[in-house]
Amino acid sequence: MNCEFWTALDNLVNQSEIVIDRPKGTAHPRYPDFIYKVDYGFLKNTTSMDGAGIDVWVGTDERKSIDAIICTVDLMKRDTEIKILIGCTEEEKEIAYKTHNESEYMKGILIKREN
């Protein structure tokens, strides 16, 4: 069953345009003290719980395969979301994970893809 989940994610990502609207080194639009340490964006023409595109972290691994997902709970927005990690090194996965756990209002769990 897990294999089918990851294959479905592969298909979704492969059929979508990745838009990086928050490149590594830029500030968050509402929180200027927060600087992105990994490229962050979304899949164009998809929908997540917040009504925007499905969020993605895109790392520096040349293979650009889906490495993991992060499932988040946001107590401020009172929602949950999935973030897809694409081409992330182990260090980049850790950065994304820590990013979603820095606040008392947001918590995330990292689920790595098994080979």
PDB file of N, CA and C in Angstrom:
ATOM      1  N   MET A   1       0.816  -1.199   0.000  1.00  0.00           N
ATOM      2  CA  MET A   1       0.000   0.000   0.000  1.00  0.00           C
ATOM      3  C   MET A   1       0.860   1.263   0.000  1.00  0.00           C
ATOM      4  N   ASN A   2       1.924   1.303   0.802  1.00  0.00           N
ATOM      5  CA  ASN A   2       2.770   2.494   0.844  1.00  0.00           C
ATOM      6  C   ASN A   2       3.326   2.828  -0.533  1.00  0.00           C
ATOM      7  N   CYS A   3       3.685   1.802  -1.290  1.00  0.00           N
ATOM      8  CA  CYS A   3       4.242   1.994  -2.625  1.00  0.00           C
ATOM      9  C   CYS A   3       3.250   2.746  -3.513  1.00  0.00           C
ATOM     10  N   GLU A   4       1.975   2.406  -3.414  1.00  0.00           N
ATOM     11  CA  GLU A   4       0.956   3.066  -4.227  1.00  0.00           C
ATOM     12  C   GLU A   4       0.807   4.539  -3.857  1.00  0.00           C
ATOM     13  N   PHE A   5       0.941   4.868  -2.572  1.00  0.00           N
ATOM     14  CA  PHE A   5       0.888   6.267  -2.125  1.00  0.00           C
ATOM     15  C   PHE A   5       2.003   7.076  -2.767  1.00  0.00           C
ATOM     16  N   TRP A   6       3.242   6.557  -2.676  1.00  0.00           N
ATOM     17  CA  TRP A   6       4.395   7.273  -3.229  1.00  0.00           C
ATOM     18  C   TRP A   6       4.312   7.370  -4.751  1.00  0.00           C
ATOM     19  N   THR A   7       3.799   6.335  -5.403  1.00  0.00           N
ATOM     20  CA  THR A   7       3.624   6.377  -6.855  1.00  0.00           C
ATOM     21  C   THR A   7       2.602   7.450  -7.236  1.00  0.00           C
ATOM     22  N   ALA A   8       1.524   7.556  -6.466  1.00  0.00           N
ATOM     23  CA  ALA A   8       0.521   8.589  -6.725  1.00  0.00           C
ATOM     24  C   ALA A   8       1.133   9.981  -6.560  1.00  0.00           C
ATOM     25  N   LEU A   9       1.961  10.168  -5.529  1.00  0.00           N
ATOM     26  CA  LEU A   9       2.651  11.456  -5.347  1.00  0.00           C
ATOM     27  C   LEU A   9       3.596  11.735  -6.503  1.00  0.00           C
ATOM     28  N   ASP A  10       4.335  10.718  -6.929  1.00  0.00           N
ATOM     29  CA  ASP A  10       5.219  10.873  -8.088  1.00  0.00           C
ATOM     30  C   ASP A  10       4.430  11.367  -9.293  1.00  0.00           C
ATOM     31  N   ASN A  11       3.275  10.738  -9.555  1.00  0.00           N
ATOM     32  CA  ASN A  11       2.449  11.121 -10.691  1.00  0.00           C
ATOM     33  C   ASN A  11       1.958  12.553 -10.568  1.00  0.00           C
ATOM     34  N   LEU A  12       1.512  12.930  -9.377  1.00  0.00           N
ATOM     35  CA  LEU A  12       1.023  14.289  -9.152  1.00  0.00           C
ATOM     36  C   LEU A  12       2.123  15.316  -9.416  1.00  0.00           C
ATOM     37  N   VAL A  13       3.304  15.075  -8.867  1.00  0.00           N
ATOM     38  CA  VAL A  13       4.424  16.012  -9.042  1.00  0.00           C
ATOM     39  C   VAL A  13       4.866  16.046 -10.506  1.00  0.00           C
ATOM     40  N   ASN A  14       4.973  14.877 -11.136  1.00  0.00           N
ATOM     41  CA  ASN A  14       5.420  14.816 -12.527  1.00  0.00           C
ATOM     42  C   ASN A  14       4.453  15.493 -13.497  1.00  0.00           C
ATOM     43  N   GLN A  15       3.185  15.564 -13.119  1.00  0.00           N
ATOM     44  CA  GLN A  15       2.176  16.185 -13.974  1.00  0.00           C
ATOM     45  C   GLN A  15       1.909  17.637 -13.601  1.00  0.00           C
ATOM     46  N   SER A  16       2.723  18.185 -12.695  1.00  0.00           N
ATOM     47  CA  SER A  16       2.512  19.550 -12.202  1.00  0.00           C
ATOM     48  C   SER A  16       3.747  20.404 -12.422  1.00  0.00           C
ATOM     49  N   GLU A  17       3.512  21.684 -12.565  1.00  0.00           N
ATOM     50  CA  GLU A  17       4.611  22.647 -12.629  1.00  0.00           C
ATOM     51  C   GLU A  17       4.964  23.065 -11.205  1.00  0.00           C
ATOM     52  N   ILE A  18       6.257  23.007 -10.882  1.00  0.00           N
ATOM     53  CA  ILE A  18       6.716  23.451  -9.569  1.00  0.00           C
ATOM     54  C   ILE A  18       7.012  24.944  -9.650  1.00  0.00           C
ATOM     55  N   VAL A  19       6.394  25.709  -8.765  1.00  0.00           N
ATOM     56  CA  VAL A  19       6.618  27.151  -8.695  1.00  0.00           C
ATOM     57  C   VAL A  19       7.338  27.442  -7.378  1.00  0.00           C
ATOM     58  N   ILE A  20       8.542  27.986  -7.476  1.00  0.00           N
ATOM     59  CA  ILE A  20       9.297  28.374  -6.276  1.00  0.00           C
ATOM     60  C   ILE A  20       9.028  29.864  -6.041  1.00  0.00           C
ATOM     61  N   ASP A  21       8.131  30.153  -5.114  1.00  0.00           N
ATOM     62  CA  ASP A  21       7.805  31.548  -4.827  1.00  0.00           C
ATOM     63  C   ASP A  21       8.542  32.085  -3.601  1.00  0.00           C
ATOM     64  N   ARG A  22       9.264  31.202  -2.927  1.00  0.00           N
ATOM     65  CA  ARG A  22      10.062  31.613  -1.770  1.00  0.00           C
ATOM     66  C   ARG A  22      11.437  30.946  -1.862  1.00  0.00           C
ATOM     67  N   PRO A  23      12.313  31.498  -2.703  1.00  0.00           N
ATOM     68  CA  PRO A  23      13.630  30.887  -2.902  1.00  0.00           C
ATOM     69  C   PRO A  23      14.495  30.924  -1.638  1.00  0.00           C
ATOM     70  N   LYS A  24      15.407  29.988  -1.583  1.00  0.00           N
ATOM     71  CA  LYS A  24      16.383  29.924  -0.504  1.00  0.00           C
ATOM     72  C   LYS A  24      17.040  31.295  -0.345  1.00  0.00           C
ATOM     73  N   GLY A  25      17.121  31.773   0.901  1.00  0.00           N
ATOM     74  CA  GLY A  25      17.764  33.055   1.183  1.00  0.00           C
ATOM     75  C   GLY A  25      16.815  34.238   1.232  1.00  0.00           C
ATOM     76  N   THR A  26      15.525  34.029   0.875  1.00  0.00           N
ATOM     77  CA  THR A  26      14.567  35.135   0.912  1.00  0.00           C
ATOM     78  C   THR A  26      13.753  35.098   2.203  1.00  0.00           C
ATOM     79  N   ALA A  27      13.142  36.242   2.514  1.00  0.00           N
ATOM     80  CA  ALA A  27      12.342  36.368   3.732  1.00  0.00           C
ATOM     81  C   ALA A  27      10.890  35.976   3.472  1.00  0.00           C
ATOM     82  N   HIS A  28      10.246  35.492   4.501  1.00  0.00           N
ATOM     83  CA  HIS A  28       8.812  35.192   4.446  1.00  0.00           C
ATOM     84  C   HIS A  28       8.065  36.509   4.246  1.00  0.00           C
ATOM     85  N   PRO A  29       7.010  36.517   3.408  1.00  0.00           N
ATOM     86  CA  PRO A  29       6.306  37.774   3.118  1.00  0.00           C
ATOM     87  C   PRO A  29       5.659  38.440   4.339  1.00  0.00           C
ATOM     88  N   ARG A  30       5.212  37.673   5.312  1.00  0.00           N
ATOM     89  CA  ARG A  30       4.569  38.247   6.503  1.00  0.00           C
ATOM     90  C   ARG A  30       5.469  38.267   7.724  1.00  0.00           C
ATOM     91  N   TYR A  31       6.543  37.489   7.697  1.00  0.00           N
ATOM     92  CA  TYR A  31       7.453  37.400   8.843  1.00  0.00           C
ATOM     93  C   TYR A  31       8.871  37.657   8.347  1.00  0.00           C
ATOM     94  N   PRO A  32       9.260  38.930   8.204  1.00  0.00           N
ATOM     95  CA  PRO A  32      10.545  39.266   7.572  1.00  0.00           C
ATOM     96  C   PRO A  32      11.777  38.732   8.295  1.00  0.00           C
ATOM     97  N   ASP A  33      11.638  38.352   9.546  1.00  0.00           N
ATOM     98  CA  ASP A  33      12.777  37.778  10.274  1.00  0.00           C
ATOM     99  C   ASP A  33      13.015  36.321   9.910  1.00  0.00           C
ATOM    100  N   PHE A  34      12.040  35.697   9.250  1.00  0.00           N
ATOM    101  CA  PHE A  34      12.176  34.299   8.860  1.00  0.00           C
ATOM    102  C   PHE A  34      12.775  34.230   7.459  1.00  0.00           C
ATOM    103  N   ILE A  35      13.928  33.593   7.340  1.00  0.00           N
ATOM    104  CA  ILE A  35      14.615  33.435   6.056  1.00  0.00           C
ATOM    105  C   ILE A  35      14.559  31.961   5.647  1.00  0.00           C
ATOM    106  N   TYR A  36      14.135  31.705   4.429  1.00  0.00           N
ATOM    107  CA  TYR A  36      14.071  30.330   3.923  1.00  0.00           C
ATOM    108  C   TYR A  36      15.477  29.787   3.694  1.00  0.00           C
ATOM    109  N   LYS A  37      15.725  28.583   4.194  1.00  0.00           N
ATOM    110  CA  LYS A  37      17.033  27.935   4.051  1.00  0.00           C
ATOM    111  C   LYS A  37      17.034  26.876   2.947  1.00  0.00           C
ATOM    112  N   VAL A  38      15.860  26.597   2.411  1.00  0.00           N
ATOM    113  CA  VAL A  38      15.664  25.651   1.299  1.00  0.00           C
ATOM    114  C   VAL A  38      14.566  26.257   0.421  1.00  0.00           C
ATOM    115  N   ASP A  39      14.657  26.063  -0.892  1.00  0.00           N
ATOM    116  CA  ASP A  39      13.611  26.575  -1.789  1.00  0.00           C
ATOM    117  C   ASP A  39      12.243  26.028  -1.372  1.00  0.00           C
ATOM    118  N   TYR A  40      11.243  26.926  -1.373  1.00  0.00           N
ATOM    119  CA  TYR A  40       9.888  26.569  -0.959  1.00  0.00           C
ATOM    120  C   TYR A  40       8.905  27.094  -1.984  1.00  0.00           C
ATOM    121  N   GLY A  41       7.930  26.283  -2.323  1.00  0.00           N
ATOM    122  CA  GLY A  41       6.952  26.729  -3.300  1.00  0.00           C
ATOM    123  C   GLY A  41       5.717  25.857  -3.283  1.00  0.00           C
ATOM    124  N   PHE A  42       5.143  25.672  -4.473  1.00  0.00           N
ATOM    125  CA  PHE A  42       3.906  24.912  -4.554  1.00  0.00           C
ATOM    126  C   PHE A  42       3.777  24.280  -5.937  1.00  0.00           C
ATOM    127  N   LEU A  43       2.846  23.348  -6.040  1.00  0.00           N
ATOM    128  CA  LEU A  43       2.527  22.721  -7.317  1.00  0.00           C
ATOM    129  C   LEU A  43       1.384  23.510  -7.950  1.00  0.00           C
ATOM    130  N   LYS A  44       1.639  24.054  -9.135  1.00  0.00           N
ATOM    131  CA  LYS A  44       0.646  24.857  -9.844  1.00  0.00           C
ATOM    132  C   LYS A  44      -0.574  24.006 -10.199  1.00  0.00           C
ATOM    133  N   ASN A  45      -1.735  24.606 -10.100  1.00  0.00           N
ATOM    134  CA  ASN A  45      -3.018  23.961 -10.428  1.00  0.00           C
ATOM    135  C   ASN A  45      -3.331  22.760  -9.544  1.00  0.00           C
ATOM    136  N   THR A  46      -2.914  22.855  -8.271  1.00  0.00           N
ATOM    137  CA  THR A  46      -3.303  21.868  -7.262  1.00  0.00           C
ATOM    138  C   THR A  46      -3.930  22.635  -6.102  1.00  0.00           C
ATOM    139  N   THR A  47      -4.554  21.908  -5.195  1.00  0.00           N
ATOM    140  CA  THR A  47      -5.203  22.555  -4.055  1.00  0.00           C
ATOM    141  C   THR A  47      -4.868  21.823  -2.768  1.00  0.00           C
ATOM    142  N   SER A  48      -4.497  22.596  -1.767  1.00  0.00           N
ATOM    143  CA  SER A  48      -4.220  22.073  -0.437  1.00  0.00           C
ATOM    144  C   SER A  48      -5.331  22.537   0.505  1.00  0.00           C
ATOM    145  N   MET A  49      -5.225  22.184   1.770  1.00  0.00           N
ATOM    146  CA  MET A  49      -6.248  22.537   2.757  1.00  0.00           C
ATOM    147  C   MET A  49      -6.486  24.037   2.864  1.00  0.00           C
ATOM    148  N   ASP A  50      -5.431  24.844   2.636  1.00  0.00           N
ATOM    149  CA  ASP A  50      -5.585  26.296   2.771  1.00  0.00           C
ATOM    150  C   ASP A  50      -6.125  26.947   1.498  1.00  0.00           C
ATOM    151  N   GLY A  51      -6.463  26.132   0.507  1.00  0.00           N
ATOM    152  CA  GLY A  51      -7.015  26.652  -0.732  1.00  0.00           C
ATOM    153  C   GLY A  51      -5.963  27.035  -1.759  1.00  0.00           C
ATOM    154  N   ALA A  52      -4.700  27.056  -1.348  1.00  0.00           N
ATOM    155  CA  ALA A  52      -3.591  27.360  -2.262  1.00  0.00           C
ATOM    156  C   ALA A  52      -3.032  26.047  -2.805  1.00  0.00           C
ATOM    157  N   GLY A  53      -1.984  26.155  -3.620  1.00  0.00           N
ATOM    158  CA  GLY A  53      -1.361  24.962  -4.175  1.00  0.00           C
ATOM    159  C   GLY A  53      -0.691  24.104  -3.113  1.00  0.00           C
ATOM    160  N   ILE A  54      -0.477  22.838  -3.437  1.00  0.00           N
ATOM    161  CA  ILE A  54       0.205  21.916  -2.517  1.00  0.00           C
ATOM    162  C   ILE A  54       1.646  22.384  -2.343  1.00  0.00           C
ATOM    163  N   ASP A  55       2.069  22.530  -1.089  1.00  0.00           N
ATOM    164  CA  ASP A  55       3.396  23.047  -0.762  1.00  0.00           C
ATOM    165  C   ASP A  55       4.484  22.025  -1.031  1.00  0.00           C
ATOM    166  N   VAL A  56       5.636  22.545  -1.483  1.00  0.00           N
ATOM    167  CA  VAL A  56       6.801  21.696  -1.733  1.00  0.00           C
ATOM    168  C   VAL A  56       8.065  22.373  -1.203  1.00  0.00           C
ATOM    169  N   TRP A  57       8.952  21.564  -0.692  1.00  0.00           N
ATOM    170  CA  TRP A  57      10.328  21.953  -0.398  1.00  0.00           C
ATOM    171  C   TRP A  57      11.168  21.309  -1.493  1.00  0.00           C
ATOM    172  N   VAL A  58      11.999  22.086  -2.171  1.00  0.00           N
ATOM    173  CA  VAL A  58      12.809  21.548  -3.258  1.00  0.00           C
ATOM    174  C   VAL A  58      14.281  21.722  -2.908  1.00  0.00           C
ATOM    175  N   GLY A  59      14.959  20.592  -2.765  1.00  0.00           N
ATOM    176  CA  GLY A  59      16.360  20.598  -2.349  1.00  0.00           C
ATOM    177  C   GLY A  59      17.332  20.602  -3.511  1.00  0.00           C
ATOM    178  N   THR A  60      18.570  20.319  -3.188  1.00  0.00           N
ATOM    179  CA  THR A  60      19.670  20.423  -4.147  1.00  0.00           C
ATOM    180  C   THR A  60      20.101  19.101  -4.756  1.00  0.00           C
ATOM    181  N   ASP A  61      19.467  17.999  -4.368  1.00  0.00           N
ATOM    182  CA  ASP A  61      19.808  16.696  -4.942  1.00  0.00           C
ATOM    183  C   ASP A  61      19.396  16.689  -6.408  1.00  0.00           C
ATOM    184  N   GLU A  62      20.329  16.370  -7.281  1.00  0.00           N
ATOM    185  CA  GLU A  62      20.106  16.411  -8.734  1.00  0.00           C
ATOM    186  C   GLU A  62      18.986  15.484  -9.202  1.00  0.00           C
ATOM    187  N   ARG A  63      18.744  14.402  -8.481  1.00  0.00           N
ATOM    188  CA  ARG A  63      17.735  13.428  -8.921  1.00  0.00           C
ATOM    189  C   ARG A  63      16.319  13.978  -8.857  1.00  0.00           C
ATOM    190  N   LYS A  64      16.076  14.933  -7.988  1.00  0.00           N
ATOM    191  CA  LYS A  64      14.766  15.572  -7.824  1.00  0.00           C
ATOM    192  C   LYS A  64      13.635  14.577  -7.599  1.00  0.00           C
ATOM    193  N   SER A  65      13.937  13.515  -6.856  1.00  0.00           N
ATOM    194  CA  SER A  65      12.888  12.550  -6.531  1.00  0.00           C
ATOM    195  C   SER A  65      12.193  12.975  -5.234  1.00  0.00           C
ATOM    196  N   ILE A  66      11.009  12.432  -5.027  1.00  0.00           N
ATOM    197  CA  ILE A  66      10.281  12.722  -3.797  1.00  0.00           C
ATOM    198  C   ILE A  66      10.905  11.903  -2.682  1.00  0.00           C
ATOM    199  N   ASP A  67      11.448  12.601  -1.700  1.00  0.00           N
ATOM    200  CA  ASP A  67      12.191  11.978  -0.611  1.00  0.00           C
ATOM    201  C   ASP A  67      11.331  11.666   0.605  1.00  0.00           C
ATOM    202  N   ALA A  68      10.370  12.562   0.860  1.00  0.00           N
ATOM    203  CA  ALA A  68       9.624  12.486   2.108  1.00  0.00           C
ATOM    204  C   ALA A  68       8.454  13.449   2.023  1.00  0.00           C
ATOM    205  N   ILE A  69       7.607  13.393   3.041  1.00  0.00           N
ATOM    206  CA  ILE A  69       6.553  14.384   3.218  1.00  0.00           C
ATOM    207  C   ILE A  69       6.605  14.859   4.663  1.00  0.00           C
ATOM    208  N   ILE A  70       6.070  16.029   4.881  1.00  0.00           N
ATOM    209  CA  ILE A  70       5.863  16.520   6.240  1.00  0.00           C
ATOM    210  C   ILE A  70       4.377  16.798   6.370  1.00  0.00           C
ATOM    211  N   CYS A  71       3.762  16.205   7.387  1.00  0.00           N
ATOM    212  CA  CYS A  71       2.366  16.473   7.698  1.00  0.00           C
ATOM    213  C   CYS A  71       2.355  17.474   8.853  1.00  0.00           C
ATOM    214  N   THR A  72       1.620  18.577   8.672  1.00  0.00           N
ATOM    215  CA  THR A  72       1.625  19.628   9.690  1.00  0.00           C
ATOM    216  C   THR A  72       0.248  19.835  10.306  1.00  0.00           C
ATOM    217  N   VAL A  73       0.275  20.332  11.539  1.00  0.00           N
ATOM    218  CA  VAL A  73      -0.910  20.810  12.241  1.00  0.00           C
ATOM    219  C   VAL A  73      -0.617  22.255  12.614  1.00  0.00           C
ATOM    220  N   ASP A  74      -1.467  23.176  12.157  1.00  0.00           N
ATOM    221  CA  ASP A  74      -1.302  24.598  12.433  1.00  0.00           C
ATOM    222  C   ASP A  74      -2.447  25.028  13.347  1.00  0.00           C
ATOM    223  N   LEU A  75      -2.122  25.296  14.604  1.00  0.00           N
ATOM    224  CA  LEU A  75      -3.148  25.654  15.580  1.00  0.00           C
ATOM    225  C   LEU A  75      -3.673  27.074  15.377  1.00  0.00           C
ATOM    226  N   MET A  76      -2.874  27.953  14.757  1.00  0.00           N
ATOM    227  CA  MET A  76      -3.329  29.326  14.477  1.00  0.00           C
ATOM    228  C   MET A  76      -4.367  29.311  13.348  1.00  0.00           C
ATOM    229  N   LYS A  77      -4.049  28.633  12.260  1.00  0.00           N
ATOM    230  CA  LYS A  77      -4.964  28.554  11.121  1.00  0.00           C
ATOM    231  C   LYS A  77      -6.022  27.467  11.324  1.00  0.00           C
ATOM    232  N   ARG A  78      -5.770  26.599  12.304  1.00  0.00           N
ATOM    233  CA  ARG A  78      -6.665  25.478  12.608  1.00  0.00           C
ATOM    234  C   ARG A  78      -6.834  24.579  11.388  1.00  0.00           C
ATOM    235  N   ASP A  79      -5.677  24.191  10.804  1.00  0.00           N
ATOM    236  CA  ASP A  79      -5.723  23.296   9.660  1.00  0.00           C
ATOM    237  C   ASP A  79      -4.561  22.320   9.695  1.00  0.00           C
ATOM    238  N   THR A  80      -4.609  21.391   8.759  1.00  0.00           N
ATOM    239  CA  THR A  80      -3.519  20.447   8.562  1.00  0.00           C
ATOM    240  C   THR A  80      -3.138  20.499   7.098  1.00  0.00           C
ATOM    241  N   GLU A  81      -1.886  20.169   6.813  1.00  0.00           N
ATOM    242  CA  GLU A  81      -1.423  20.173   5.427  1.00  0.00           C
ATOM    243  C   GLU A  81      -0.356  19.105   5.241  1.00  0.00           C
ATOM    244  N   ILE A  82      -0.077  18.842   3.973  1.00  0.00           N
ATOM    245  CA  ILE A  82       1.031  17.978   3.597  1.00  0.00           C
ATOM    246  C   ILE A  82       2.025  18.831   2.812  1.00  0.00           C
ATOM    247  N   LYS A  83       3.290  18.676   3.088  1.00  0.00           N
ATOM    248  CA  LYS A  83       4.367  19.337   2.354  1.00  0.00           C
ATOM    249  C   LYS A  83       5.170  18.229   1.689  1.00  0.00           C
ATOM    250  N   ILE A  84       5.421  18.348   0.387  1.00  0.00           N
ATOM    251  CA  ILE A  84       6.160  17.326  -0.342  1.00  0.00           C
ATOM    252  C   ILE A  84       7.613  17.766  -0.448  1.00  0.00           C
ATOM    253  N   LEU A  85       8.544  16.893  -0.080  1.00  0.00           N
ATOM    254  CA  LEU A  85       9.973  17.183  -0.170  1.00  0.00           C
ATOM    255  C   LEU A  85      10.514  16.535  -1.439  1.00  0.00           C
ATOM    256  N   ILE A  86      11.080  17.362  -2.299  1.00  0.00           N
ATOM    257  CA  ILE A  86      11.555  16.908  -3.603  1.00  0.00           C
ATOM    258  C   ILE A  86      13.057  17.165  -3.703  1.00  0.00           C
ATOM    259  N   GLY A  87      13.822  16.118  -3.908  1.00  0.00           N
ATOM    260  CA  GLY A  87      15.257  16.271  -4.100  1.00  0.00           C
ATOM    261  C   GLY A  87      15.984  16.854  -2.905  1.00  0.00           C
ATOM    262  N   CYS A  88      15.555  16.524  -1.722  1.00  0.00           N
ATOM    263  CA  CYS A  88      16.174  17.065  -0.511  1.00  0.00           C
ATOM    264  C   CYS A  88      17.257  16.135   0.029  1.00  0.00           C
ATOM    265  N   THR A  89      18.374  16.723   0.391  1.00  0.00           N
ATOM    266  CA  THR A  89      19.417  15.979   1.086  1.00  0.00           C
ATOM    267  C   THR A  89      18.929  15.711   2.504  1.00  0.00           C
ATOM    268  N   GLU A  90      19.637  14.883   3.237  1.00  0.00           N
ATOM    269  CA  GLU A  90      19.256  14.623   4.631  1.00  0.00           C
ATOM    270  C   GLU A  90      19.263  15.922   5.445  1.00  0.00           C
ATOM    271  N   GLU A  91      20.254  16.770   5.198  1.00  0.00           N
ATOM    272  CA  GLU A  91      20.329  18.062   5.910  1.00  0.00           C
ATOM    273  C   GLU A  91      19.128  18.945   5.563  1.00  0.00           C
ATOM    274  N   GLU A  92      18.744  18.986   4.298  1.00  0.00           N
ATOM    275  CA  GLU A  92      17.594  19.795   3.890  1.00  0.00           C
ATOM    276  C   GLU A  92      16.286  19.256   4.468  1.00  0.00           C
ATOM    277  N   LYS A  93      16.164  17.933   4.568  1.00  0.00           N
ATOM    278  CA  LYS A  93      14.981  17.346   5.212  1.00  0.00           C
ATOM    279  C   LYS A  93      14.901  17.802   6.661  1.00  0.00           C
ATOM    280  N   GLU A  94      16.036  17.789   7.345  1.00  0.00           N
ATOM    281  CA  GLU A  94      16.084  18.206   8.747  1.00  0.00           C
ATOM    282  C   GLU A  94      15.724  19.686   8.888  1.00  0.00           C
ATOM    283  N   ILE A  95      16.205  20.523   7.970  1.00  0.00           N
ATOM    284  CA  ILE A  95      15.878  21.951   7.995  1.00  0.00           C
ATOM    285  C   ILE A  95      14.368  22.151   7.824  1.00  0.00           C
ATOM    286  N   ALA A  96      13.771  21.477   6.853  1.00  0.00           N
ATOM    287  CA  ALA A  96      12.324  21.588   6.624  1.00  0.00           C
ATOM    288  C   ALA A  96      11.555  21.116   7.852  1.00  0.00           C
ATOM    289  N   TYR A  97      11.980  19.998   8.417  1.00  0.00           N
ATOM    290  CA  TYR A  97      11.324  19.465   9.612  1.00  0.00           C
ATOM    291  C   TYR A  97      11.386  20.471  10.759  1.00  0.00           C
ATOM    292  N   LYS A  98      12.569  21.004  11.019  1.00  0.00           N
ATOM    293  CA  LYS A  98      12.729  21.976  12.118  1.00  0.00           C
ATOM    294  C   LYS A  98      11.908  23.230  11.861  1.00  0.00           C
ATOM    295  N   THR A  99      11.813  23.644  10.599  1.00  0.00           N
ATOM    296  CA  THR A  99      11.031  24.832  10.253  1.00  0.00           C
ATOM    297  C   THR A  99       9.583  24.675  10.687  1.00  0.00           C
ATOM    298  N   HIS A 100       9.033  23.483  10.514  1.00  0.00           N
ATOM    299  CA  HIS A 100       7.632  23.252  10.861  1.00  0.00           C
ATOM    300  C   HIS A 100       7.425  22.913  12.333  1.00  0.00           C
ATOM    301  N   ASN A 101       8.484  22.987  13.113  1.00  0.00           N
ATOM    302  CA  ASN A 101       8.364  22.692  14.541  1.00  0.00           C
ATOM    303  C   ASN A 101       8.951  23.786  15.419  1.00  0.00           C
ATOM    304  N   GLU A 102       9.270  24.953  14.849  1.00  0.00           N
ATOM    305  CA  GLU A 102       9.874  26.044  15.613  1.00  0.00           C
ATOM    306  C   GLU A 102       8.873  26.768  16.506  1.00  0.00           C
ATOM    307  N   SER A 103       7.634  26.773  16.130  1.00  0.00           N
ATOM    308  CA  SER A 103       6.609  27.544  16.830  1.00  0.00           C
ATOM    309  C   SER A 103       5.762  26.634  17.707  1.00  0.00           C
ATOM    310  N   GLU A 104       5.207  27.207  18.752  1.00  0.00           N
ATOM    311  CA  GLU A 104       4.289  26.431  19.586  1.00  0.00           C
ATOM    312  C   GLU A 104       2.964  26.194  18.876  1.00  0.00           C
ATOM    313  N   TYR A 105       2.720  26.943  17.790  1.00  0.00           N
ATOM    314  CA  TYR A 105       1.447  26.858  17.078  1.00  0.00           C
ATOM    315  C   TYR A 105       1.456  25.901  15.897  1.00  0.00           C
ATOM    316  N   MET A 106       2.660  25.493  15.450  1.00  0.00           N
ATOM    317  CA  MET A 106       2.735  24.566  14.325  1.00  0.00           C
ATOM    318  C   MET A 106       3.643  23.401  14.692  1.00  0.00           C
ATOM    319  N   LYS A 107       3.181  22.217  14.365  1.00  0.00           N
ATOM    320  CA  LYS A 107       3.968  21.006  14.576  1.00  0.00           C
ATOM    321  C   LYS A 107       3.866  20.142  13.332  1.00  0.00           C
ATOM    322  N   GLY A 108       4.967  19.460  13.040  1.00  0.00           N
ATOM    323  CA  GLY A 108       4.985  18.607  11.873  1.00  0.00           C
ATOM    324  C   GLY A 108       5.664  17.279  12.164  1.00  0.00           C
ATOM    325  N   ILE A 109       5.330  16.304  11.341  1.00  0.00           N
ATOM    326  CA  ILE A 109       5.967  14.990  11.427  1.00  0.00           C
ATOM    327  C   ILE A 109       6.559  14.684  10.055  1.00  0.00           C
ATOM    328  N   LEU A 110       7.804  14.223  10.040  1.00  0.00           N
ATOM    329  CA  LEU A 110       8.506  13.879   8.812  1.00  0.00           C
ATOM    330  C   LEU A 110       8.323  12.401   8.536  1.00  0.00           C
ATOM    331  N   ILE A 111       7.845  12.081   7.335  1.00  0.00           N
ATOM    332  CA  ILE A 111       7.685  10.693   6.915  1.00  0.00           C
ATOM    333  C   ILE A 111       8.582  10.474   5.711  1.00  0.00           C
ATOM    334  N   LYS A 112       9.625   9.667   5.886  1.00  0.00           N
ATOM    335  CA  LYS A 112      10.577   9.431   4.810  1.00  0.00           C
ATOM    336  C   LYS A 112      10.118   8.275   3.942  1.00  0.00           C
ATOM    337  N   ARG A 113      10.448   8.399   2.684  1.00  0.00           N
ATOM    338  CA  ARG A 113      10.132   7.340   1.717  1.00  0.00           C
ATOM    339  C   ARG A 113      11.120   6.193   1.891  1.00  0.00           C
ATOM    340  N   GLU A 114      10.577   5.003   1.961  1.00  0.00           N
ATOM    341  CA  GLU A 114      11.439   3.818   2.050  1.00  0.00           C
ATOM    342  C   GLU A 114      11.744   3.339   0.637  1.00  0.00           C
ATOM    343  N   ASN A 115      12.974   2.966   0.421  1.00  0.00           N
ATOM    344  CA  ASN A 115      13.362   2.480  -0.909  1.00  0.00           C
ATOM    345  C   ASN A 115      13.090   1.009  -1.062  1.00  0.00           C
TER     346      ASN A 115
END
